[in-house]
């Protein structure tokens, strides 16, 4: 059984980096702390192949990437597309990630759908098509609309994910109406599960329209009791799946890295084969 703990992105976690660490050095330093990272930038644009090649060179052989799906694939841009147009975007996305695929360092491809992606026939069909088009890859599915997990559809949703081998992304987030999902502690894929910690800032969750929403939405620090509860959940999940990836996204106030290291300590995990840790010049 394997538990990998990491963060959503590597650029904003100041507690990890010595002073004057350049931006192009941060992933290398990050990989001295954690064995996995989420590539958040892949959501905003299909990344050039050279970026993935650079990131591979900065990380050890055992390091893996959770790569977010491009927003045009998940419908965040609200544009209507033909099936052929969607296929073309899939092809471009797939081509961009090939260096990571060939290196065997894809943890999963994360499809996080928008709050308006609710239970309906055309959305279920979209999930079927994506899985068909990206069949060789481990695909993780994250909902942001609670209809998928209400009493009427919860069991059907989980059955669908198992049947089509979607990796369930278990979310820890505020319960803030239809645009949030409950914590559903269920495994849908025998090989792996994904957990994403968004914090529990109920007040800030639905502030997307504000210019400073990123500074507000994920402003939360998990306390020791909450992390210990999660340690118990992880142990239960380990009975049903071979590998669990836990990613902390609660970084509006810089808390994600500290919480990730706290959970690592609680679970008594020591990662090997990371990048060498830079030592303080005056530490003997």
Protein backbone atom coordinates (compact mmCIF):
# COMPACT_ATOMS: atom_id res chain seq x y z
CA UNK A 1 0.00 0.00 0.00
CA UNK A 2 1.26 3.47 -0.91
CA UNK A 3 0.23 6.91 0.34
CA UNK A 4 1.51 9.93 -1.55
CA UNK A 5 1.04 13.39 -0.05
CA UNK A 6 1.57 16.57 -2.03
CA UNK A 7 0.24 19.98 -3.02
CA UNK A 8 -1.72 21.55 -5.86
CA UNK A 9 1.09 23.34 -7.65
CA UNK A 10 4.57 24.24 -6.46
CA UNK A 11 4.88 27.99 -6.94
CA UNK A 12 3.16 29.52 -3.92
CA UNK A 13 4.35 27.56 -0.89
CA UNK A 14 6.84 29.95 0.65
CA UNK A 15 7.53 27.84 3.74
CA UNK A 16 9.22 25.25 1.51
CA UNK A 17 11.76 27.48 -0.16
CA UNK A 18 14.96 29.10 1.09
CA UNK A 19 15.15 32.84 0.53
CA UNK A 20 16.03 33.93 -2.99
CA UNK A 21 14.92 30.63 -4.53
CA UNK A 22 14.26 31.41 -8.18
CA UNK A 23 10.89 30.45 -9.67
CA UNK A 24 12.54 27.99 -12.05
CA UNK A 25 14.18 26.23 -9.09
CA UNK A 26 11.05 25.77 -7.02
CA UNK A 27 9.90 22.43 -8.42
CA UNK A 28 13.31 20.91 -7.75
CA UNK A 29 13.15 22.11 -4.13
CA UNK A 30 9.51 21.02 -3.84
CA UNK A 31 10.53 17.51 -4.93
CA UNK A 32 12.87 17.31 -1.95
CA UNK A 33 9.77 17.45 0.30
CA UNK A 34 6.98 15.58 -1.51
CA UNK A 35 6.71 12.71 -4.04
CA UNK A 36 3.76 14.04 -6.08
CA UNK A 37 2.38 17.36 -7.33
CA UNK A 38 -0.65 18.62 -9.20
CA UNK A 39 0.02 20.48 -12.44
CA UNK A 40 -2.56 23.23 -12.09
CA UNK A 41 -1.29 25.23 -15.05
CA UNK A 42 -2.51 22.50 -17.43
CA UNK A 43 -6.06 23.62 -16.60
CA UNK A 44 -5.51 27.14 -17.93
CA UNK A 45 -3.61 26.23 -21.11
CA UNK A 46 -2.31 23.17 -22.90
CA UNK A 47 1.31 23.25 -21.84
CA UNK A 48 4.17 23.04 -24.34
CA UNK A 49 5.97 19.71 -24.42
CA UNK A 50 9.18 21.49 -23.36
CA UNK A 51 7.60 22.44 -20.03
CA UNK A 52 6.91 18.82 -19.15
CA UNK A 53 10.41 17.86 -20.26
CA UNK A 54 11.85 20.53 -17.97
CA UNK A 55 9.71 19.40 -15.04
CA UNK A 56 10.76 15.81 -15.53
CA UNK A 57 14.41 16.85 -15.42
CA UNK A 58 13.80 18.65 -12.12
CA UNK A 59 12.22 15.69 -10.33
CA UNK A 60 13.48 12.26 -9.23
CA UNK A 61 12.58 9.03 -10.99
CA UNK A 62 9.90 8.07 -8.47
CA UNK A 63 8.14 11.46 -8.57
CA UNK A 64 4.67 11.57 -10.17
CA UNK A 65 2.29 14.20 -11.53
CA UNK A 66 -1.46 14.69 -11.26
CA UNK A 67 -2.16 16.68 -14.43
CA UNK A 68 -5.36 18.71 -14.55
CA UNK A 69 -7.50 18.55 -17.65
CA UNK A 70 -7.61 21.65 -19.84
CA UNK A 71 -10.62 23.86 -19.03
CA UNK A 72 -12.02 23.55 -22.56
CA UNK A 73 -12.38 19.81 -21.94
CA UNK A 74 -14.27 20.27 -18.69
CA UNK A 75 -16.55 23.05 -19.99
CA UNK A 76 -15.39 25.81 -17.69
CA UNK A 77 -15.34 28.20 -20.64
CA UNK A 78 -19.05 27.47 -21.35
CA UNK A 79 -18.40 27.19 -25.10
CA UNK A 80 -20.40 24.76 -27.24
CA UNK A 81 -18.27 22.40 -29.34
CA UNK A 82 -18.84 19.62 -31.81
CA UNK A 83 -17.60 16.12 -31.05
CA UNK A 84 -14.80 16.59 -33.59
CA UNK A 85 -13.70 19.86 -31.97
CA UNK A 86 -13.61 18.12 -28.59
CA UNK A 87 -11.57 15.28 -30.10
CA UNK A 88 -9.09 17.79 -31.50
CA UNK A 89 -8.60 19.37 -28.08
CA UNK A 90 -8.18 15.94 -26.50
CA UNK A 91 -5.52 15.11 -29.09
CA UNK A 92 -3.59 18.34 -28.42
CA UNK A 93 -3.78 17.78 -24.65
CA UNK A 94 -2.67 14.16 -25.03
CA UNK A 95 0.27 15.11 -27.22
CA UNK A 96 1.42 17.73 -24.72
CA UNK A 97 1.68 15.28 -21.81
CA UNK A 98 3.53 12.55 -23.70
CA UNK A 99 6.91 13.18 -22.03
CA UNK A 100 5.32 12.41 -18.64
CA UNK A 101 3.49 9.41 -20.08
CA UNK A 102 6.66 7.99 -21.61
CA UNK A 103 8.53 8.51 -18.35
CA UNK A 104 5.84 6.54 -16.49
CA UNK A 105 5.22 9.47 -14.14
CA UNK A 106 1.53 10.17 -14.68
CA UNK A 107 -0.25 9.64 -11.37
CA UNK A 108 -3.59 10.58 -12.92
CA UNK A 109 -5.27 13.05 -15.24
CA UNK A 110 -7.69 15.08 -13.15
CA UNK A 111 -11.01 16.10 -14.69
CA UNK A 112 -12.52 18.66 -12.32
CA UNK A 113 -15.91 19.75 -13.63
CA UNK A 114 -17.53 23.14 -12.93
CA UNK A 115 -20.36 23.75 -10.44
CA UNK A 116 -22.96 23.80 -13.23
CA UNK A 117 -21.98 20.29 -14.43
CA UNK A 118 -24.95 18.48 -12.88
CA UNK A 119 -26.59 15.09 -13.35
CA UNK A 120 -28.14 14.96 -16.79
CA UNK A 121 -28.01 12.67 -19.81
CA UNK A 122 -25.65 14.79 -21.92
CA UNK A 123 -23.16 15.17 -19.06
CA UNK A 124 -23.11 11.43 -18.43
CA UNK A 125 -22.51 10.90 -22.14
CA UNK A 126 -19.64 13.39 -22.02
CA UNK A 127 -18.00 11.35 -19.27
CA UNK A 128 -18.39 8.20 -21.35
CA UNK A 129 -16.76 9.83 -24.37
CA UNK A 130 -13.83 11.25 -22.41
CA UNK A 131 -13.13 7.86 -20.89
CA UNK A 132 -13.34 6.24 -24.32
CA UNK A 133 -10.99 8.77 -25.92
CA UNK A 134 -8.44 8.62 -23.09
CA UNK A 135 -8.80 4.93 -22.31
CA UNK A 136 -5.08 4.17 -21.72
CA UNK A 137 -4.73 6.76 -18.97
CA UNK A 138 -5.69 6.80 -15.27
CA UNK A 139 -8.51 9.37 -15.14
CA UNK A 140 -9.65 11.00 -11.90
CA UNK A 141 -13.07 12.60 -11.66
CA UNK A 142 -14.00 15.51 -9.39
CA UNK A 143 -17.49 16.95 -9.24
CA UNK A 144 -18.41 20.43 -8.01
CA UNK A 145 -22.17 19.91 -8.16
CA UNK A 146 -23.87 18.05 -5.34
CA UNK A 147 -26.61 16.47 -7.48
CA UNK A 148 -24.19 13.63 -8.30
CA UNK A 149 -24.17 12.63 -4.64
CA UNK A 150 -27.69 13.38 -3.46
CA UNK A 151 -29.83 10.54 -2.17
CA UNK A 152 -31.37 9.91 -5.59
CA UNK A 153 -28.14 9.56 -7.57
CA UNK A 154 -25.26 8.79 -5.20
CA UNK A 155 -25.21 5.01 -5.63
CA UNK A 156 -25.73 5.29 -9.39
CA UNK A 157 -22.88 7.80 -9.64
CA UNK A 158 -20.48 5.54 -7.76
CA UNK A 159 -21.58 2.51 -9.79
CA UNK A 160 -21.03 4.45 -13.02
CA UNK A 161 -17.53 5.46 -11.91
CA UNK A 162 -16.65 1.86 -11.02
CA UNK A 163 -18.07 0.53 -14.27
CA UNK A 164 -16.08 2.99 -16.39
CA UNK A 165 -12.98 2.91 -14.15
CA UNK A 166 -13.00 6.55 -13.14
CA UNK A 167 -10.87 7.27 -10.09
CA UNK A 168 -13.06 8.95 -7.49
CA UNK A 169 -11.68 12.26 -6.25
CA UNK A 170 -12.78 12.50 -2.63
CA UNK A 171 -13.18 16.15 -1.65
CA UNK A 172 -12.85 17.83 1.71
CA UNK A 173 -14.57 21.17 1.19
CA UNK A 174 -17.25 23.44 2.72
CA UNK A 175 -20.85 22.38 2.37
CA UNK A 176 -21.96 25.53 0.60
CA UNK A 177 -24.97 24.61 -1.46
CA UNK A 178 -25.29 23.04 -4.89
CA UNK A 179 -21.81 24.13 -5.99
CA UNK A 180 -20.06 21.90 -3.48
CA UNK A 181 -19.99 18.16 -2.85
CA UNK A 182 -20.15 16.17 0.38
CA UNK A 183 -17.26 14.10 1.64
CA UNK A 184 -17.98 10.70 0.06
CA UNK A 185 -15.52 8.18 1.43
CA UNK A 186 -15.82 5.69 -1.43
CA UNK A 187 -13.30 3.95 -3.66
CA UNK A 188 -14.24 3.38 -7.31
CA UNK A 189 -10.94 2.12 -8.73
CA UNK A 190 -8.87 -0.72 -7.24
CA UNK A 191 -5.54 0.82 -8.30
CA UNK A 192 -5.82 4.25 -6.72
CA UNK A 193 -7.89 6.97 -5.08
CA UNK A 194 -7.38 10.72 -4.99
CA UNK A 195 -8.20 13.09 -2.13
CA UNK A 196 -8.14 16.88 -2.51
CA UNK A 197 -8.24 19.17 0.52
CA UNK A 198 -9.88 22.48 -0.34
CA UNK A 199 -10.30 23.68 3.24
CA UNK A 200 -13.56 24.37 5.04
CA UNK A 201 -14.00 28.10 4.58
CA UNK A 202 -17.76 28.22 4.20
CA UNK A 203 -17.85 32.03 4.01
CA UNK A 204 -15.32 32.20 1.17
CA UNK A 205 -16.40 29.24 -0.95
CA UNK A 206 -18.95 31.00 -3.16
CA UNK A 207 -16.94 34.18 -3.74
CA UNK A 208 -15.92 33.34 -7.31
CA UNK A 209 -17.20 36.63 -8.69
CA UNK A 210 -14.86 38.69 -6.54
CA UNK A 211 -11.50 39.80 -7.88
CA UNK A 212 -9.76 38.42 -4.78
CA UNK A 213 -11.62 35.08 -4.71
CA UNK A 214 -8.40 33.05 -4.70
CA UNK A 215 -7.28 34.87 -1.55
CA UNK A 216 -10.55 33.99 0.16
CA UNK A 217 -11.86 30.67 -1.10
CA UNK A 218 -9.09 28.39 0.14
CA UNK A 219 -8.25 30.33 3.31
CA UNK A 220 -8.25 27.55 5.87
CA UNK A 221 -5.83 25.70 8.13
CA UNK A 222 -6.73 22.16 9.21
CA UNK A 223 -6.21 21.55 12.91
CA UNK A 224 -4.61 18.46 14.40
CA UNK A 225 -7.91 16.78 15.22
CA UNK A 226 -9.16 17.19 11.63
CA UNK A 227 -5.94 15.74 10.26
CA UNK A 228 -6.08 12.82 12.69
CA UNK A 229 -9.61 12.10 11.50
CA UNK A 230 -8.23 12.03 7.97
CA UNK A 231 -5.45 9.69 9.00
CA UNK A 232 -8.12 7.23 10.12
CA UNK A 233 -9.95 7.63 6.82
CA UNK A 234 -6.75 6.96 4.91
CA UNK A 235 -6.28 3.71 6.81
CA UNK A 236 -9.81 2.64 5.91
CA UNK A 237 -9.32 3.58 2.26
CA UNK A 238 -6.12 1.54 2.14
CA UNK A 239 -8.22 -1.57 2.60
CA UNK A 240 -9.88 -0.99 -0.77
CA UNK A 241 -7.22 0.50 -3.03
CA UNK A 242 -3.51 0.06 -3.70
CA UNK A 243 -2.50 3.71 -3.75
CA UNK A 244 -3.88 6.92 -2.27
CA UNK A 245 -2.82 10.40 -3.35
CA UNK A 246 -3.63 13.30 -1.02
CA UNK A 247 -3.29 16.85 -2.35
CA UNK A 248 -3.66 19.98 -0.22
CA UNK A 249 -5.23 22.96 -1.98
CA UNK A 250 -5.90 25.15 1.09
CA UNK A 251 -3.25 27.68 0.28
CA UNK A 252 -4.90 31.11 0.28
CA UNK A 253 -3.06 31.74 3.54
CA UNK A 254 -0.03 29.54 2.87
CA UNK A 255 -1.29 26.62 4.97
CA UNK A 256 -1.18 23.76 2.47
CA UNK A 257 2.48 22.76 2.85
CA UNK A 258 2.36 22.82 6.65
CA UNK A 259 -0.84 20.75 6.73
CA UNK A 260 0.62 18.24 4.26
CA UNK A 261 3.72 17.77 6.43
CA UNK A 262 1.56 17.47 9.54
CA UNK A 263 -0.49 14.67 7.99
CA UNK A 264 2.69 12.97 6.86
CA UNK A 265 3.94 13.02 10.47
CA UNK A 266 0.63 11.73 11.83
CA UNK A 267 0.71 8.83 9.35
CA UNK A 268 4.38 8.25 10.21
CA UNK A 269 5.41 8.37 6.55
CA UNK A 270 9.02 8.97 5.51
CA UNK A 271 9.57 9.36 1.80
CA UNK A 272 12.76 8.06 0.21
CA UNK A 273 14.28 8.80 -3.19
CA UNK A 274 13.33 12.48 -3.11
CA UNK A 275 15.62 15.22 -4.38
CA UNK A 276 18.46 16.03 -1.96
CA UNK A 277 17.39 18.63 0.60
CA UNK A 278 19.33 21.87 0.54
CA UNK A 279 21.02 22.32 3.91
CA UNK A 280 21.37 25.65 5.64
CA UNK A 281 24.91 26.98 5.22
CA UNK A 282 25.42 27.33 8.97
CA UNK A 283 23.78 24.05 10.00
CA UNK A 284 26.29 21.46 11.29
